[in-house]
Amino acid sequence: MNQVKRLITGLLFCAMPLAAAAQSENPAWIETLNFEMEKNHECEVAYYLHIKEGELGGKTTYEARLQCVDGRQFDASRIGEEGEFTAKLCEVQTC
């Protein structure tokens, strides 16, 4: 039983760098969005809270929620490969 645990632990330990490398590669559209956020909103992207690719009417859709270094958050989206992203500032909402 201990040999099985050691084997599983060893395999998981060896696989961790592969998973980290896969997660560190961003899709090309993320680089485009980073550039547009800096240019249009003076936002240096600190991190992404959510990214999603989909399809609508035969066109690829891109959606992301991101946080700037200064703390602002934006929702950004684009339909299709051409054109700029539409970015909306996430503001505090009260009911």
Protein backbone atom coordinates (compact mmCIF):
# COMPACT_ATOMS: atom_id res chain seq x y z
CA MET A 1 0.00 0.00 0.00
CA ASN A 2 2.83 2.42 0.83
CA GLN A 3 4.43 1.70 -2.55
CA VAL A 4 1.21 2.68 -4.31
CA LYS A 5 1.01 5.94 -2.34
CA ARG A 6 4.64 6.73 -3.15
CA LEU A 7 4.10 5.97 -6.82
CA ILE A 8 1.00 8.19 -7.02
CA THR A 9 2.74 10.98 -5.11
CA GLY A 10 5.74 10.75 -7.44
CA LEU A 11 3.58 10.85 -10.55
CA LEU A 12 1.62 13.86 -9.29
CA PHE A 13 4.83 15.66 -8.35
CA CYS A 14 6.26 15.07 -11.84
CA ALA A 15 3.05 16.20 -13.55
CA MET A 16 2.77 19.52 -11.65
CA PRO A 17 5.26 21.45 -13.85
CA LEU A 18 3.39 20.31 -16.98
CA ALA A 19 0.08 21.60 -15.62
CA ALA A 20 1.66 24.90 -14.57
CA ALA A 21 3.18 25.38 -18.03
CA ALA A 22 -0.16 24.74 -19.70
CA GLN A 23 -1.89 27.29 -17.47
CA SER A 24 0.77 29.96 -18.01
CA GLU A 25 0.21 30.16 -21.77
CA ASN A 26 -2.41 32.76 -22.65
CA PRO A 27 -4.47 32.71 -25.83
CA ALA A 28 -3.37 35.32 -28.40
CA TRP A 29 -6.53 37.39 -27.86
CA ILE A 30 -5.53 38.01 -24.24
CA GLU A 31 -2.40 39.82 -25.45
CA THR A 32 -4.57 41.95 -27.73
CA LEU A 33 -6.90 42.75 -24.84
CA ASN A 34 -3.94 43.68 -22.60
CA PHE A 35 -2.74 46.15 -25.24
CA GLU A 36 -6.22 47.66 -25.75
CA MET A 37 -6.82 48.05 -22.01
CA GLU A 38 -3.53 49.91 -21.63
CA LYS A 39 -4.21 52.11 -24.66
CA ASN A 40 -7.92 52.88 -24.15
CA HIS A 41 -8.35 52.76 -20.36
CA GLU A 42 -4.86 53.32 -18.93
CA CYS A 43 -5.22 49.91 -17.29
CA GLU A 44 -2.21 47.71 -16.70
CA VAL A 45 -3.83 44.29 -16.28
CA ALA A 46 -2.83 42.66 -12.99
CA TYR A 47 -4.80 39.45 -13.51
CA TYR A 48 -7.85 37.87 -15.08
CA LEU A 49 -10.74 36.72 -12.91
CA HIS A 50 -12.52 34.96 -15.78
CA ILE A 51 -11.87 34.27 -19.46
CA LYS A 52 -14.17 32.48 -21.87
CA GLU A 53 -14.28 31.69 -25.57
CA GLY A 54 -17.53 30.67 -27.24
CA GLU A 55 -19.41 30.75 -30.50
CA LEU A 56 -22.41 32.81 -31.56
CA GLY A 57 -23.88 32.69 -35.04
CA GLY A 58 -20.78 31.08 -36.46
CA LYS A 59 -18.47 33.74 -34.98
CA THR A 60 -16.06 33.26 -32.11
CA THR A 61 -16.88 35.22 -28.96
CA TYR A 62 -14.39 36.36 -26.34
CA GLU A 63 -15.26 37.42 -22.78
CA ALA A 64 -13.08 38.36 -19.84
CA ARG A 65 -13.26 39.99 -16.45
CA LEU A 66 -9.99 41.55 -15.44
CA GLN A 67 -8.49 43.62 -12.68
CA CYS A 68 -6.08 46.49 -13.25
CA VAL A 69 -3.05 47.12 -11.06
CA ASP A 70 -4.87 50.16 -9.60
CA GLY A 71 -7.81 47.99 -8.45
CA ARG A 72 -10.38 48.80 -11.14
CA GLN A 73 -12.22 45.86 -12.70
CA PHE A 74 -13.58 45.62 -16.24
CA ASP A 75 -15.78 43.25 -18.21
CA ALA A 76 -14.55 43.02 -21.79
CA SER A 77 -16.01 41.24 -24.81
CA ARG A 78 -15.65 40.94 -28.55
CA ILE A 79 -17.57 39.04 -31.23
CA GLY A 80 -15.44 37.89 -34.14
CA GLU A 81 -11.76 38.19 -34.91
CA GLU A 82 -11.79 41.83 -36.04
CA GLY A 83 -12.41 45.07 -34.17
CA GLU A 84 -11.65 46.20 -30.67
CA PHE A 85 -12.96 44.81 -27.43
CA THR A 86 -15.85 46.53 -25.68
CA ALA A 87 -14.84 47.16 -22.07
CA LYS A 88 -17.17 48.28 -19.29
CA LEU A 89 -16.02 49.35 -15.85
CA CYS A 90 -17.45 47.18 -13.07
CA GLU A 91 -18.93 49.62 -10.60
CA VAL A 92 -20.39 49.08 -7.16
CA GLN A 93 -24.09 48.29 -7.38
CA THR A 94 -26.60 48.74 -4.59
CA CYS A 95 -30.15 47.46 -4.41
